[in-house]
């Protein structure tokens, strides 16, 4: 007698659901292989998906200030 009911379709459906759920739980902790990451310390590097932010123009008494 087998300990796992490998010939039962419900076993395979439940196994697929568990594997999918496990993937969604573990995926944020797996380091990404993206070349350019905006958030190097974040495990999922999700901040790199954001568009780059615009810099504000600095003015002093109505004239623009040059920034490096």
PDB file of N, CA and C in Angstrom:
ATOM      1  N   UNK A   1       0.842  -1.183   0.000  1.00  0.00           N
ATOM      2  CA  UNK A   1       0.000   0.000   0.000  1.00  0.00           C
ATOM      3  C   UNK A   1       0.883   1.242   0.000  1.00  0.00           C
ATOM      4  N   UNK A   2       0.572   2.174  -0.887  1.00  0.00           N
ATOM      5  CA  UNK A   2       1.344   3.406  -0.997  1.00  0.00           C
ATOM      6  C   UNK A   2       0.966   4.370   0.116  1.00  0.00           C
ATOM      7  N   UNK A   3       1.949   5.142   0.556  1.00  0.00           N
ATOM      8  CA  UNK A   3       1.655   6.140   1.574  1.00  0.00           C
ATOM      9  C   UNK A   3       1.052   7.402   0.944  1.00  0.00           C
ATOM     10  N   UNK A   4       1.350   7.652  -0.331  1.00  0.00           N
ATOM     11  CA  UNK A   4       0.777   8.784  -1.052  1.00  0.00           C
ATOM     12  C   UNK A   4      -0.180   8.258  -2.113  1.00  0.00           C
ATOM     13  N   UNK A   5      -1.348   8.861  -2.211  1.00  0.00           N
ATOM     14  CA  UNK A   5      -2.314   8.411  -3.222  1.00  0.00           C
ATOM     15  C   UNK A   5      -2.008   9.022  -4.595  1.00  0.00           C
ATOM     16  N   UNK A   6      -0.923   8.573  -5.215  1.00  0.00           N
ATOM     17  CA  UNK A   6      -0.487   9.189  -6.470  1.00  0.00           C
ATOM     18  C   UNK A   6      -1.424   8.900  -7.634  1.00  0.00           C
ATOM     19  N   UNK A   7      -2.338   7.975  -7.488  1.00  0.00           N
ATOM     20  CA  UNK A   7      -3.281   7.694  -8.565  1.00  0.00           C
ATOM     21  C   UNK A   7      -4.592   8.471  -8.415  1.00  0.00           C
ATOM     22  N   UNK A   8      -4.680   9.339  -7.421  1.00  0.00           N
ATOM     23  CA  UNK A   8      -5.890  10.120  -7.178  1.00  0.00           C
ATOM     24  C   UNK A   8      -5.705  11.534  -7.739  1.00  0.00           C
ATOM     25  N   UNK A   9      -6.668  12.020  -8.521  1.00  0.00           N
ATOM     26  CA  UNK A   9      -6.553  13.339  -9.129  1.00  0.00           C
ATOM     27  C   UNK A   9      -6.572  14.447  -8.087  1.00  0.00           C
ATOM     28  N   UNK A  10      -7.247  14.243  -6.961  1.00  0.00           N
ATOM     29  CA  UNK A  10      -7.309  15.269  -5.921  1.00  0.00           C
ATOM     30  C   UNK A  10      -5.941  15.494  -5.280  1.00  0.00           C
ATOM     31  N   UNK A  11      -5.146  14.447  -5.212  1.00  0.00           N
ATOM     32  CA  UNK A  11      -3.783  14.579  -4.692  1.00  0.00           C
ATOM     33  C   UNK A  11      -2.978  15.539  -5.565  1.00  0.00           C
ATOM     34  N   UNK A  12      -3.097  15.406  -6.880  1.00  0.00           N
ATOM     35  CA  UNK A  12      -2.324  16.245  -7.791  1.00  0.00           C
ATOM     36  C   UNK A  12      -2.835  17.681  -7.814  1.00  0.00           C
ATOM     37  N   UNK A  13      -4.130  17.874  -7.677  1.00  0.00           N
ATOM     38  CA  UNK A  13      -4.678  19.235  -7.619  1.00  0.00           C
ATOM     39  C   UNK A  13      -4.214  19.930  -6.342  1.00  0.00           C
ATOM     40  N   UNK A  14      -4.290  19.234  -5.223  1.00  0.00           N
ATOM     41  CA  UNK A  14      -3.841  19.815  -3.949  1.00  0.00           C
ATOM     42  C   UNK A  14      -2.341  20.089  -3.974  1.00  0.00           C
ATOM     43  N   UNK A  15      -1.569  19.201  -4.587  1.00  0.00           N
ATOM     44  CA  UNK A  15      -0.125  19.399  -4.692  1.00  0.00           C
ATOM     45  C   UNK A  15       0.191  20.628  -5.538  1.00  0.00           C
ATOM     46  N   UNK A  16      -0.509  20.807  -6.646  1.00  0.00           N
ATOM     47  CA  UNK A  16      -0.288  21.979  -7.499  1.00  0.00           C
ATOM     48  C   UNK A  16      -0.645  23.270  -6.769  1.00  0.00           C
ATOM     49  N   UNK A  17      -1.719  23.253  -6.001  1.00  0.00           N
ATOM     50  CA  UNK A  17      -2.114  24.446  -5.239  1.00  0.00           C
ATOM     51  C   UNK A  17      -1.069  24.788  -4.184  1.00  0.00           C
ATOM     52  N   UNK A  18      -0.558  23.787  -3.497  1.00  0.00           N
ATOM     53  CA  UNK A  18       0.454  24.020  -2.458  1.00  0.00           C
ATOM     54  C   UNK A  18       1.750  24.535  -3.073  1.00  0.00           C
ATOM     55  N   UNK A  19       2.173  23.974  -4.190  1.00  0.00           N
ATOM     56  CA  UNK A  19       3.412  24.424  -4.835  1.00  0.00           C
ATOM     57  C   UNK A  19       3.264  25.861  -5.326  1.00  0.00           C
ATOM     58  N   UNK A  20       2.110  26.197  -5.891  1.00  0.00           N
ATOM     59  CA  UNK A  20       1.871  27.570  -6.346  1.00  0.00           C
ATOM     60  C   UNK A  20       1.870  28.548  -5.175  1.00  0.00           C
ATOM     61  N   UNK A  21       1.217  28.194  -4.090  1.00  0.00           N
ATOM     62  CA  UNK A  21       1.189  29.063  -2.909  1.00  0.00           C
ATOM     63  C   UNK A  21       2.583  29.225  -2.314  1.00  0.00           C
ATOM     64  N   UNK A  22       3.339  28.156  -2.282  1.00  0.00           N
ATOM     65  CA  UNK A  22       4.709  28.219  -1.761  1.00  0.00           C
ATOM     66  C   UNK A  22       5.574  29.132  -2.624  1.00  0.00           C
ATOM     67  N   UNK A  23       5.382  29.089  -3.934  1.00  0.00           N
ATOM     68  CA  UNK A  23       6.144  29.957  -4.840  1.00  0.00           C
ATOM     69  C   UNK A  23       5.841  31.430  -4.556  1.00  0.00           C
ATOM     70  N   UNK A  24       4.566  31.771  -4.347  1.00  0.00           N
ATOM     71  CA  UNK A  24       4.204  33.159  -4.069  1.00  0.00           C
ATOM     72  C   UNK A  24       4.713  33.622  -2.709  1.00  0.00           C
ATOM     73  N   UNK A  25       4.887  32.727  -1.766  1.00  0.00           N
ATOM     74  CA  UNK A  25       5.403  33.096  -0.447  1.00  0.00           C
ATOM     75  C   UNK A  25       6.915  33.273  -0.493  1.00  0.00           C
ATOM     76  N   UNK A  26       7.610  32.419  -1.221  1.00  0.00           N
ATOM     77  CA  UNK A  26       9.077  32.424  -1.225  1.00  0.00           C
ATOM     78  C   UNK A  26       9.646  33.421  -2.237  1.00  0.00           C
ATOM     79  N   UNK A  27       8.910  33.728  -3.292  1.00  0.00           N
ATOM     80  CA  UNK A  27       9.427  34.564  -4.374  1.00  0.00           C
ATOM     81  C   UNK A  27       9.968  35.925  -3.932  1.00  0.00           C
ATOM     82  N   UNK A  28       9.345  36.666  -3.013  1.00  0.00           N
ATOM     83  CA  UNK A  28       9.914  37.962  -2.616  1.00  0.00           C
ATOM     84  C   UNK A  28      11.271  37.859  -1.921  1.00  0.00           C
ATOM     85  N   UNK A  29      11.608  36.700  -1.395  1.00  0.00           N
ATOM     86  CA  UNK A  29      12.873  36.549  -0.687  1.00  0.00           C
ATOM     87  C   UNK A  29      14.005  36.064  -1.583  1.00  0.00           C
ATOM     88  N   UNK A  30      13.708  35.718  -2.811  1.00  0.00           N
ATOM     89  CA  UNK A  30      14.733  35.262  -3.750  1.00  0.00           C
ATOM     90  C   UNK A  30      15.332  36.493  -4.420  1.00  0.00           C
ATOM     91  N   UNK A  31      16.669  36.636  -4.412  1.00  0.00           N
ATOM     92  CA  UNK A  31      17.282  37.809  -5.033  1.00  0.00           C
ATOM     93  C   UNK A  31      17.029  37.832  -6.540  1.00  0.00           C
ATOM     94  N   UNK A  32      16.790  39.016  -7.048  1.00  0.00           N
ATOM     95  CA  UNK A  32      16.529  39.182  -8.472  1.00  0.00           C
ATOM     96  C   UNK A  32      17.847  39.251  -9.230  1.00  0.00           C
ATOM     97  N   UNK A  33      17.808  38.911 -10.496  1.00  0.00           N
ATOM     98  CA  UNK A  33      19.005  38.952 -11.330  1.00  0.00           C
ATOM     99  C   UNK A  33      19.017  40.183 -12.229  1.00  0.00           C
ATOM    100  N   UNK A  34      18.265  41.196 -11.873  1.00  0.00           N
ATOM    101  CA  UNK A  34      18.217  42.409 -12.688  1.00  0.00           C
ATOM    102  C   UNK A  34      19.551  43.135 -12.616  1.00  0.00           C
ATOM    103  N   UNK A  35      19.983  43.648 -13.751  1.00  0.00           N
ATOM    104  CA  UNK A  35      21.282  44.314 -13.820  1.00  0.00           C
ATOM    105  C   UNK A  35      21.254  45.673 -13.122  1.00  0.00           C
ATOM    106  N   UNK A  36      20.161  46.410 -13.295  1.00  0.00           N
ATOM    107  CA  UNK A  36      20.083  47.750 -12.723  1.00  0.00           C
ATOM    108  C   UNK A  36      18.972  47.788 -11.687  1.00  0.00           C
ATOM    109  N   UNK A  37      19.340  47.771 -10.439  1.00  0.00           N
ATOM    110  CA  UNK A  37      18.340  47.764  -9.375  1.00  0.00           C
ATOM    111  C   UNK A  37      18.433  49.064  -8.588  1.00  0.00           C
ATOM    112  N   UNK A  38      17.298  49.712  -8.390  1.00  0.00           N
ATOM    113  CA  UNK A  38      17.273  50.967  -7.645  1.00  0.00           C
ATOM    114  C   UNK A  38      17.323  50.729  -6.146  1.00  0.00           C
ATOM    115  N   UNK A  39      16.991  49.547  -5.733  1.00  0.00           N
ATOM    116  CA  UNK A  39      16.959  49.210  -4.318  1.00  0.00           C
ATOM    117  C   UNK A  39      17.854  47.985  -4.093  1.00  0.00           C
ATOM    118  N   UNK A  40      19.168  48.162  -3.989  1.00  0.00           N
ATOM    119  CA  UNK A  40      20.057  46.998  -3.912  1.00  0.00           C
ATOM    120  C   UNK A  40      19.904  46.179  -2.637  1.00  0.00           C
ATOM    121  N   UNK A  41      19.398  46.772  -1.564  1.00  0.00           N
ATOM    122  CA  UNK A  41      19.261  46.020  -0.318  1.00  0.00           C
ATOM    123  C   UNK A  41      17.911  45.326  -0.188  1.00  0.00           C
ATOM    124  N   UNK A  42      16.956  45.656  -1.055  1.00  0.00           N
ATOM    125  CA  UNK A  42      15.649  44.997  -1.019  1.00  0.00           C
ATOM    126  C   UNK A  42      15.773  43.612  -1.645  1.00  0.00           C
ATOM    127  N   UNK A  43      15.225  42.589  -1.012  1.00  0.00           N
ATOM    128  CA  UNK A  43      15.361  41.251  -1.585  1.00  0.00           C
ATOM    129  C   UNK A  43      14.643  41.088  -2.913  1.00  0.00           C
ATOM    130  N   UNK A  44      13.534  41.780  -3.110  1.00  0.00           N
ATOM    131  CA  UNK A  44      12.786  41.599  -4.356  1.00  0.00           C
ATOM    132  C   UNK A  44      13.183  42.614  -5.421  1.00  0.00           C
ATOM    133  N   UNK A  45      13.939  43.636  -5.055  1.00  0.00           N
ATOM    134  CA  UNK A  45      14.356  44.702  -5.960  1.00  0.00           C
ATOM    135  C   UNK A  45      13.156  45.366  -6.633  1.00  0.00           C
ATOM    136  N   UNK A  46      12.041  45.453  -5.919  1.00  0.00           N
ATOM    137  CA  UNK A  46      10.813  45.975  -6.513  1.00  0.00           C
ATOM    138  C   UNK A  46      10.885  47.472  -6.794  1.00  0.00           C
ATOM    139  N   UNK A  47      11.764  48.184  -6.145  1.00  0.00           N
ATOM    140  CA  UNK A  47      11.855  49.619  -6.378  1.00  0.00           C
ATOM    141  C   UNK A  47      12.419  49.928  -7.754  1.00  0.00           C
ATOM    142  N   UNK A  48      13.106  48.974  -8.377  1.00  0.00           N
ATOM    143  CA  UNK A  48      13.664  49.227  -9.698  1.00  0.00           C
ATOM    144  C   UNK A  48      12.580  49.279 -10.763  1.00  0.00           C
ATOM    145  N   UNK A  49      11.382  48.810 -10.470  1.00  0.00           N
ATOM    146  CA  UNK A  49      10.286  48.863 -11.432  1.00  0.00           C
ATOM    147  C   UNK A  49       9.680  50.260 -11.506  1.00  0.00           C
ATOM    148  N   UNK A  50       9.978  51.108 -10.546  1.00  0.00           N
ATOM    149  CA  UNK A  50       9.434  52.457 -10.537  1.00  0.00           C
ATOM    150  C   UNK A  50      10.189  53.334 -11.529  1.00  0.00           C
ATOM    151  N   UNK A  51       9.515  54.295 -12.163  1.00  0.00           N
ATOM    152  CA  UNK A  51      10.225  55.198 -13.064  1.00  0.00           C
ATOM    153  C   UNK A  51      11.148  56.116 -12.264  1.00  0.00           C
ATOM    154  N   UNK A  52      12.229  56.579 -12.870  1.00  0.00           N
ATOM    155  CA  UNK A  52      13.139  57.465 -12.136  1.00  0.00           C
ATOM    156  C   UNK A  52      12.440  58.771 -11.769  1.00  0.00           C
ATOM    157  N   UNK A  53      12.739  59.269 -10.598  1.00  0.00           N
ATOM    158  CA  UNK A  53      12.086  60.486 -10.130  1.00  0.00           C
ATOM    159  C   UNK A  53      12.722  61.717 -10.774  1.00  0.00           C
ATOM    160  N   UNK A  54      11.920  62.768 -10.917  1.00  0.00           N
ATOM    161  CA  UNK A  54      12.424  64.019 -11.477  1.00  0.00           C
ATOM    162  C   UNK A  54      13.028  64.855 -10.362  1.00  0.00           C
ATOM    163  N   UNK A  55      14.064  65.568 -10.702  1.00  0.00           N
ATOM    164  CA  UNK A  55      14.679  66.462  -9.723  1.00  0.00           C
ATOM    165  C   UNK A  55      14.005  67.822  -9.800  1.00  0.00           C
ATOM    166  N   UNK A  56      13.844  68.438  -8.665  1.00  0.00           N
ATOM    167  CA  UNK A  56      13.226  69.763  -8.610  1.00  0.00           C
ATOM    168  C   UNK A  56      14.240  70.823  -9.018  1.00  0.00           C
ATOM    169  N   UNK A  57      13.752  71.854  -9.682  1.00  0.00           N
ATOM    170  CA  UNK A  57      14.625  72.968 -10.032  1.00  0.00           C
ATOM    171  C   UNK A  57      14.738  73.895  -8.825  1.00  0.00           C
ATOM    172  N   UNK A  58      15.953  74.203  -8.462  1.00  0.00           N
ATOM    173  CA  UNK A  58      16.186  75.087  -7.325  1.00  0.00           C
ATOM    174  C   UNK A  58      16.287  76.525  -7.814  1.00  0.00           C
ATOM    175  N   UNK A  59      15.630  77.413  -7.105  1.00  0.00           N
ATOM    176  CA  UNK A  59      15.709  78.837  -7.437  1.00  0.00           C
ATOM    177  C   UNK A  59      16.027  79.632  -6.184  1.00  0.00           C
ATOM    178  N   UNK A  60      16.749  80.715  -6.389  1.00  0.00           N
ATOM    179  CA  UNK A  60      17.038  81.631  -5.288  1.00  0.00           C
ATOM    180  C   UNK A  60      16.785  83.036  -5.803  1.00  0.00           C
ATOM    181  N   UNK A  61      15.809  83.684  -5.219  1.00  0.00           N
ATOM    182  CA  UNK A  61      15.392  85.028  -5.617  1.00  0.00           C
ATOM    183  C   UNK A  61      15.042  85.081  -7.102  1.00  0.00           C
ATOM    184  N   UNK A  62      14.359  84.065  -7.586  1.00  0.00           N
ATOM    185  CA  UNK A  62      13.864  84.063  -8.960  1.00  0.00           C
ATOM    186  C   UNK A  62      14.827  83.536 -10.005  1.00  0.00           C
ATOM    187  N   UNK A  63      16.089  83.312  -9.658  1.00  0.00           N
ATOM    188  CA  UNK A  63      17.031  82.789 -10.654  1.00  0.00           C
ATOM    189  C   UNK A  63      17.380  81.339 -10.320  1.00  0.00           C
ATOM    190  N   UNK A  64      17.603  80.564 -11.367  1.00  0.00           N
ATOM    191  CA  UNK A  64      17.908  79.151 -11.176  1.00  0.00           C
ATOM    192  C   UNK A  64      19.302  78.977 -10.591  1.00  0.00           C
ATOM    193  N   UNK A  65      19.429  77.982  -9.752  1.00  0.00           N
ATOM    194  CA  UNK A  65      20.719  77.649  -9.159  1.00  0.00           C
ATOM    195  C   UNK A  65      21.224  76.390  -9.847  1.00  0.00           C
ATOM    196  N   UNK A  66      22.454  76.399 -10.237  1.00  0.00           N
ATOM    197  CA  UNK A  66      23.048  75.247 -10.899  1.00  0.00           C
ATOM    198  C   UNK A  66      23.439  74.213  -9.844  1.00  0.00           C
ATOM    199  N   UNK A  67      22.996  72.969 -10.051  1.00  0.00           N
ATOM    200  CA  UNK A  67      23.346  71.893  -9.123  1.00  0.00           C
ATOM    201  C   UNK A  67      24.165  70.848  -9.866  1.00  0.00           C
ATOM    202  N   UNK A  68      25.073  70.208  -9.172  1.00  0.00           N
ATOM    203  CA  UNK A  68      25.918  69.202  -9.845  1.00  0.00           C
ATOM    204  C   UNK A  68      25.150  67.966 -10.223  1.00  0.00           C
TER     205      UNK A  68
END
